[in-house]
Amino acid sequence: MSKKVVTLGEIMLRLSTPDFKRFVQADTFDITYGGGEANVAAALSNYGLNGTFVSKVPDNAIGQSAVNHLRRYGVDTQFIVRGGDRLGIYFLETGASMRASQVIYDRSDASIAKLNAKELDFDLIFKDADWFHTTGITPALSTEAAELTLAALKAAKQRGITTSIDLNFRKKLWTKEKAREVMTELCQFVDVCIGNEEDADLCLGFKAANTDVTKGELNLDGFKDVFKQMKAKFGFKFIASSLRESHSASDNGWSALVYDGTDFYHTKQYNVRIVDRVGSGDSFASGLIYGLVTGMPMNEAAEFGVAASAIKHTIPGDLNHATINDVRELMKGDGSGRVQR
């Protein structure tokens, strides 16, 4: 039986400008669906696991379209609740060179923001589950969503299920003060913490010294100090951070650092030419989870996650459609991009 990973969060309608156009230029938008936890469930399903996504969508054709999108990629959607007023939307303008990408949210009062834990049967949802994953985006949506996230983490821990959270601070959703208050409580029920250097600072108050990604340099000793502080406070089994060196909106350095409380491991670094970076962090999280839940040692799981997410940068849309073979080949060093015949 394949491993079962449950994720909880929001799925949104994504409207993106075609051909690198600015919002003010666009006459049409490309449509797809995505969201942090939905992206993870889809990637894990793609790797052959039972990716189960829990959420709430409106009981209308747009909500059903979002569900159908996930079903298309093998995600178990049976626990998605129907109801509420609307599906959240986000608009994406993809940047290039020195012009940064832009995201505009239209997600207030989305159905997920009103989802109550009483609407969910955690006994059924977590039956035979091996792992539960969520992100810091979900509790940022509303007080009710924060309470739901806490209830889900507690329910998973009570059943002996490994839990993970991707900190994912979003300044357009809440303040760092509110994030620290909520996330500090949630992280007491987390086994695996994932996030970048900004997330650790804004969500939990831990800051890596002398680190500035805009300079194209990383101070790994600063991250190691932060990881030790996080381990001491929360007792995480694993802590992982993707490391992005942002040379421009088109070219980034990409690697990761992981820590198990004893050893640190810094992965291979990839120099990625970006087609679409949205969902790359989710791709790292899903790759790391895939590795750990299937029994890979920490370093191999981290390398799988980084390679998977490096490939995601080349794929349009929120979801990562890289296969296990794609990831394995890149891990072995085949990043030539030569045509496969």
Protein backbone atom coordinates (compact mmCIF):
# COMPACT_ATOMS: atom_id res chain seq x y z
CA MET A 1 0.00 0.00 0.00
CA SER A 2 1.36 3.42 -0.93
CA LYS A 3 2.00 5.98 1.75
CA LYS A 4 -0.85 8.39 2.49
CA VAL A 5 -0.11 12.09 2.93
CA VAL A 6 -2.94 14.42 3.94
CA THR A 7 -2.69 18.15 3.23
CA LEU A 8 -4.99 20.95 4.39
CA GLY A 9 -5.33 24.37 2.79
CA GLU A 10 -6.80 26.57 0.10
CA ILE A 11 -7.03 26.00 -3.61
CA MET A 12 -7.43 29.13 -5.73
CA LEU A 13 -8.18 30.14 -9.26
CA ARG A 14 -5.00 31.56 -10.79
CA LEU A 15 -5.24 34.18 -13.54
CA SER A 16 -1.86 34.96 -15.08
CA THR A 17 -0.82 37.31 -17.85
CA PRO A 18 0.45 35.54 -20.98
CA ASP A 19 3.84 36.13 -22.63
CA PHE A 20 5.36 38.03 -19.68
CA LYS A 21 2.90 40.91 -20.18
CA ARG A 22 2.19 43.42 -17.46
CA PHE A 23 -1.29 43.54 -15.97
CA VAL A 24 -2.04 46.81 -17.77
CA GLN A 25 -1.15 45.24 -21.11
CA ALA A 26 -3.13 42.04 -20.80
CA ASP A 27 -6.37 41.47 -22.73
CA THR A 28 -6.64 37.83 -21.61
CA PHE A 29 -5.50 35.70 -18.69
CA ASP A 30 -4.28 32.12 -18.61
CA ILE A 31 -6.34 30.05 -16.18
CA THR A 32 -5.17 27.33 -13.83
CA TYR A 33 -5.64 26.35 -10.19
CA GLY A 34 -3.24 26.05 -7.31
CA GLY A 35 -2.36 26.66 -3.69
CA GLY A 36 0.44 25.58 -1.38
CA GLU A 37 -1.05 22.45 0.11
CA ALA A 38 -2.91 21.50 -3.07
CA ASN A 39 0.37 21.71 -4.97
CA VAL A 40 2.00 19.35 -2.47
CA ALA A 41 -0.85 16.83 -2.70
CA ALA A 42 -0.67 16.85 -6.50
CA ALA A 43 3.10 16.36 -6.59
CA LEU A 44 2.95 13.47 -4.12
CA SER A 45 0.17 11.85 -6.15
CA ASN A 46 2.39 12.24 -9.19
CA TYR A 47 5.13 10.35 -7.34
CA GLY A 48 2.75 7.47 -6.71
CA LEU A 49 1.63 8.23 -3.16
CA ASN A 50 -1.92 8.75 -1.91
CA GLY A 51 -2.07 12.55 -1.86
CA THR A 52 -5.24 13.57 -0.01
CA PHE A 53 -6.32 17.21 -0.05
CA VAL A 54 -8.71 18.71 2.52
CA SER A 55 -10.35 22.07 1.88
CA LYS A 56 -13.63 23.85 1.25
CA VAL A 57 -14.81 25.22 -2.09
CA PRO A 58 -18.06 26.86 -3.15
CA ASP A 59 -20.84 24.58 -4.31
CA ASN A 60 -20.82 25.87 -7.87
CA ALA A 61 -19.13 25.22 -11.21
CA ILE A 62 -15.98 27.17 -10.32
CA GLY A 63 -15.50 25.18 -7.13
CA GLN A 64 -16.06 21.97 -9.06
CA SER A 65 -13.53 23.05 -11.69
CA ALA A 66 -10.89 23.40 -8.98
CA VAL A 67 -11.73 19.94 -7.66
CA ASN A 68 -11.63 18.48 -11.17
CA HIS A 69 -8.20 20.02 -11.74
CA LEU A 70 -6.80 18.12 -8.76
CA ARG A 71 -8.60 14.90 -9.67
CA ARG A 72 -6.98 15.07 -13.08
CA TYR A 73 -3.62 14.54 -11.38
CA GLY A 74 -4.74 11.76 -9.06
CA VAL A 75 -5.40 13.72 -5.87
CA ASP A 76 -7.93 12.22 -3.43
CA THR A 77 -10.56 14.98 -3.11
CA GLN A 78 -13.26 13.11 -1.18
CA PHE A 79 -12.80 15.24 1.93
CA ILE A 80 -13.23 18.62 0.22
CA VAL A 81 -16.28 20.28 1.77
CA ARG A 82 -18.75 22.15 -0.45
CA GLY A 83 -20.15 25.49 0.66
CA GLY A 84 -19.32 29.11 1.36
CA ASP A 85 -19.44 32.08 -0.94
CA ARG A 86 -16.52 31.93 -3.35
CA LEU A 87 -13.25 30.48 -4.54
CA GLY A 88 -10.23 32.67 -3.85
CA ILE A 89 -8.43 34.18 -6.84
CA TYR A 90 -4.91 35.37 -7.37
CA PHE A 91 -3.53 37.32 -10.30
CA LEU A 92 0.05 36.72 -11.44
CA GLU A 93 2.27 38.93 -13.57
CA THR A 94 5.42 36.96 -14.36
CA GLY A 95 8.56 39.07 -14.20
CA ALA A 96 11.72 38.88 -16.28
CA SER A 97 15.31 40.00 -15.82
CA MET A 98 15.30 42.90 -13.34
CA ARG A 99 11.46 43.19 -13.29
CA ALA A 100 10.04 41.20 -10.39
CA SER A 101 6.91 39.08 -10.59
CA GLN A 102 3.77 40.55 -9.03
CA VAL A 103 0.90 38.82 -7.23
CA ILE A 104 -2.46 40.42 -6.42
CA TYR A 105 -4.84 38.54 -4.14
CA ASP A 106 -8.62 38.50 -4.38
CA ARG A 107 -9.35 35.91 -1.72
CA SER A 108 -11.27 37.66 1.06
CA ASP A 109 -14.17 35.60 2.41
CA ALA A 110 -13.19 32.55 0.39
CA SER A 111 -14.92 29.33 1.41
CA ILE A 112 -11.83 27.91 3.14
CA ALA A 113 -11.71 30.91 5.49
CA LYS A 114 -14.99 29.79 7.05
CA LEU A 115 -14.23 26.06 7.28
CA ASN A 116 -14.83 24.77 10.81
CA ALA A 117 -13.17 21.66 12.21
CA LYS A 118 -16.66 20.35 13.07
CA GLU A 119 -17.30 20.00 9.33
CA LEU A 120 -14.47 17.47 9.07
CA ASP A 121 -14.26 13.86 10.25
CA PHE A 122 -10.63 13.56 11.31
CA ASP A 123 -11.04 9.85 12.04
CA LEU A 124 -11.85 9.22 8.37
CA ILE A 125 -9.45 11.80 7.00
CA PHE A 126 -6.47 10.45 8.96
CA LYS A 127 -7.32 6.77 8.62
CA ASP A 128 -4.14 4.97 7.48
CA ALA A 129 -2.37 8.33 7.04
CA ASP A 130 1.40 8.47 7.39
CA TRP A 131 1.92 12.23 7.19
CA PHE A 132 0.02 15.51 7.56
CA HIS A 133 1.16 18.73 5.90
CA THR A 134 -0.05 22.31 5.97
CA THR A 135 1.43 25.80 5.59
CA GLY A 136 1.47 29.18 7.26
CA ILE A 137 -0.77 30.52 4.52
CA THR A 138 -3.88 28.75 5.78
CA PRO A 139 -3.92 30.17 9.34
CA ALA A 140 -3.27 33.63 7.87
CA LEU A 141 -6.62 33.58 6.05
CA SER A 142 -8.88 34.06 9.09
CA THR A 143 -9.27 33.38 12.77
CA GLU A 144 -11.42 30.38 11.88
CA ALA A 145 -8.75 29.04 9.52
CA ALA A 146 -6.10 29.40 12.23
CA GLU A 147 -8.30 27.45 14.66
CA LEU A 148 -8.88 24.80 11.98
CA THR A 149 -5.16 24.42 11.34
CA LEU A 150 -4.46 23.99 15.05
CA ALA A 151 -7.25 21.42 15.39
CA ALA A 152 -5.94 19.44 12.42
CA LEU A 153 -2.36 19.42 13.73
CA LYS A 154 -3.54 18.28 17.16
CA ALA A 155 -5.70 15.55 15.60
CA ALA A 156 -2.80 14.27 13.53
CA LYS A 157 -0.41 14.24 16.50
CA GLN A 158 -2.98 12.43 18.65
CA ARG A 159 -3.02 9.67 16.03
CA GLY A 160 0.77 9.37 15.88
CA ILE A 161 1.02 10.89 12.40
CA THR A 162 4.14 12.81 11.37
CA THR A 163 3.32 16.50 10.85
CA SER A 164 4.99 19.17 8.76
CA ILE A 165 4.47 22.84 8.10
CA ASP A 166 5.89 25.17 5.47
CA LEU A 167 6.06 28.54 7.21
CA ASN A 168 5.28 30.53 4.02
CA PHE A 169 4.90 34.05 5.41
CA ARG A 170 2.65 36.25 3.24
CA LYS A 171 2.81 39.92 4.19
CA LYS A 172 -0.34 40.67 2.19
CA LEU A 173 -2.31 38.35 4.49
CA TRP A 174 -1.11 39.24 8.01
CA THR A 175 1.49 41.08 10.07
CA LYS A 176 4.64 39.50 11.41
CA GLU A 177 3.37 40.10 14.95
CA LYS A 178 0.19 38.12 14.30
CA ALA A 179 2.13 35.47 12.39
CA ARG A 180 4.54 34.96 15.28
CA GLU A 181 1.68 34.67 17.77
CA VAL A 182 -0.21 32.06 15.75
CA MET A 183 2.71 30.13 14.27
CA THR A 184 4.48 29.80 17.63
CA GLU A 185 1.45 27.91 18.94
CA LEU A 186 1.06 25.77 15.81
CA CYS A 187 4.72 24.76 15.74
CA GLN A 188 4.37 23.02 19.11
CA PHE A 189 2.58 20.26 17.16
CA VAL A 190 4.99 20.08 14.20
CA ASP A 191 7.68 17.46 13.54
CA VAL A 192 9.16 18.84 10.32
CA CYS A 193 9.50 22.59 9.76
CA ILE A 194 10.17 23.94 6.28
CA GLY A 195 10.80 27.54 5.29
CA ASN A 196 13.29 30.03 3.96
CA GLU A 197 15.30 32.61 5.90
CA GLU A 198 12.58 35.28 5.69
CA ASP A 199 9.92 32.85 6.93
CA ALA A 200 11.95 31.86 9.99
CA ASP A 201 12.38 35.51 10.91
CA LEU A 202 8.88 36.83 10.24
CA CYS A 203 6.92 33.77 11.44
CA LEU A 204 9.01 32.69 14.42
CA GLY A 205 11.44 35.52 15.16
CA PHE A 206 14.65 33.70 14.25
CA LYS A 207 17.04 35.61 11.99
CA ALA A 208 20.14 34.45 10.14
CA ALA A 209 22.97 36.92 10.66
CA ASN A 210 24.80 38.52 7.73
CA THR A 211 22.56 36.96 5.08
CA ASP A 212 21.35 38.90 2.06
CA VAL A 213 20.09 36.86 -0.89
CA THR A 214 20.17 39.92 -3.14
CA LYS A 215 23.98 39.87 -2.97
CA GLY A 216 24.11 36.34 -4.38
CA GLU A 217 25.83 35.10 -1.23
CA LEU A 218 24.62 32.80 1.52
CA ASN A 219 25.93 32.62 5.05
CA LEU A 220 25.32 28.99 5.93
CA ASP A 221 26.68 29.47 9.46
CA GLY A 222 23.90 31.97 10.09
CA PHE A 223 21.29 29.45 9.01
CA LYS A 224 22.85 26.76 11.17
CA ASP A 225 22.60 29.02 14.20
CA VAL A 226 18.91 29.69 13.43
CA PHE A 227 18.20 25.97 12.99
CA LYS A 228 19.77 25.23 16.38
CA GLN A 229 17.58 27.88 18.01
CA MET A 230 14.47 26.44 16.33
CA LYS A 231 15.38 22.92 17.42
CA ALA A 232 15.94 24.09 21.01
CA LYS A 233 12.57 25.88 21.18
CA PHE A 234 10.29 23.48 19.32
CA GLY A 235 12.10 20.14 19.22
CA PHE A 236 11.54 19.65 15.48
CA LYS A 237 12.76 16.31 14.12
CA PHE A 238 13.87 17.95 10.88
CA ILE A 239 14.30 21.58 9.84
CA ALA A 240 14.75 22.47 6.19
CA SER A 241 15.21 25.69 4.29
CA SER A 242 15.28 26.22 0.58
CA LEU A 243 18.09 28.63 -0.31
CA ARG A 244 17.36 31.02 -3.16
CA GLU A 245 20.04 33.32 -4.53
CA SER A 246 18.05 35.82 -6.58
CA HIS A 247 20.35 37.13 -9.31
CA SER A 248 17.33 38.38 -11.28
CA ALA A 249 13.70 37.45 -11.89
CA SER A 250 14.97 35.12 -14.63
CA ASP A 251 18.01 33.49 -13.03
CA ASN A 252 18.32 32.09 -9.50
CA GLY A 253 20.65 29.87 -7.57
CA TRP A 254 18.71 27.10 -5.82
CA SER A 255 19.73 24.70 -3.05
CA ALA A 256 18.65 23.69 0.44
CA LEU A 257 19.93 23.15 3.95
CA VAL A 258 18.50 20.48 6.27
CA TYR A 259 19.15 19.66 9.93
CA ASP A 260 18.13 16.66 12.03
CA GLY A 261 19.29 17.98 15.39
CA THR A 262 22.74 16.48 14.94
CA ASP A 263 23.93 16.92 11.38
CA PHE A 264 23.57 19.67 8.79
CA TYR A 265 23.44 18.89 5.09
CA HIS A 266 23.73 21.42 2.25
CA THR A 267 22.51 20.10 -1.08
CA LYS A 268 23.86 20.53 -4.55
CA GLN A 269 23.13 23.96 -5.98
CA TYR A 270 21.28 24.42 -9.28
CA ASN A 271 21.42 27.52 -11.44
CA VAL A 272 17.86 27.76 -12.75
CA ARG A 273 16.48 29.77 -15.65
CA ILE A 274 12.96 30.55 -14.54
CA VAL A 275 9.82 29.90 -16.56
CA ASP A 276 7.49 30.00 -13.52
CA ARG A 277 8.76 30.05 -9.94
CA VAL A 278 5.33 29.94 -8.27
CA GLY A 279 5.01 26.63 -6.46
CA SER A 280 8.74 25.95 -6.35
CA GLY A 281 8.79 25.99 -2.56
CA ASP A 282 5.85 23.59 -2.52
CA SER A 283 7.80 21.37 -4.90
CA PHE A 284 10.73 21.31 -2.50
CA ALA A 285 8.41 20.49 0.41
CA SER A 286 6.69 17.68 -1.49
CA GLY A 287 10.01 16.22 -2.63
CA LEU A 288 11.41 16.31 0.88
CA ILE A 289 8.23 14.74 2.29
CA TYR A 290 8.30 12.07 -0.41
CA GLY A 291 11.85 11.19 0.50
CA LEU A 292 11.34 11.09 4.25
CA VAL A 293 8.01 9.24 4.20
CA THR A 294 9.41 6.55 1.88
CA GLY A 295 12.46 6.00 4.07
CA MET A 296 15.23 7.93 2.32
CA PRO A 297 18.05 9.21 4.53
CA MET A 298 17.92 12.94 5.18
CA ASN A 299 20.53 13.92 2.62
CA GLU A 300 18.91 11.93 -0.19
CA ALA A 301 15.45 13.28 0.66
CA ALA A 302 16.83 16.81 0.55
CA GLU A 303 18.54 16.22 -2.79
CA PHE A 304 15.30 14.79 -4.19
CA GLY A 305 13.39 17.86 -3.01
CA VAL A 306 15.87 20.32 -4.47
CA ALA A 307 16.09 18.54 -7.82
CA ALA A 308 12.29 18.28 -8.05
CA SER A 309 11.86 21.97 -7.29
CA ALA A 310 14.63 22.98 -9.68
CA ILE A 311 12.66 21.27 -12.44
CA LYS A 312 9.46 23.01 -11.29
CA HIS A 313 11.02 26.39 -12.12
CA THR A 314 10.87 25.31 -15.79
CA ILE A 315 7.17 24.30 -15.75
CA PRO A 316 4.30 26.80 -16.16
CA GLY A 317 1.51 26.72 -13.59
CA ASP A 318 1.41 26.00 -9.88
CA LEU A 319 1.82 22.23 -10.07
CA ASN A 320 5.03 20.28 -10.55
CA HIS A 321 4.63 17.68 -13.30
CA ALA A 322 8.15 16.28 -12.97
CA THR A 323 8.23 12.50 -12.71
CA ILE A 324 10.34 10.46 -10.32
CA ASN A 325 12.56 9.51 -13.28
CA ASP A 326 12.97 13.20 -14.21
CA VAL A 327 14.09 13.97 -10.69
CA ARG A 328 16.40 10.96 -10.45
CA GLU A 329 18.11 11.82 -13.73
CA LEU A 330 18.77 15.37 -12.58
CA MET A 331 20.08 14.11 -9.25
CA LYS A 332 22.57 11.98 -11.20
CA GLY A 333 23.79 15.10 -12.98
CA ASP A 334 21.88 15.18 -16.26
CA GLY A 335 20.88 18.84 -16.44
CA SER A 336 21.91 19.31 -20.06
CA GLY A 337 18.39 19.84 -21.37
CA ARG A 338 19.18 17.74 -24.43
CA VAL A 339 16.21 16.45 -26.41
CA GLN A 340 15.23 12.96 -25.30
CA ARG A 341 14.63 10.75 -28.36
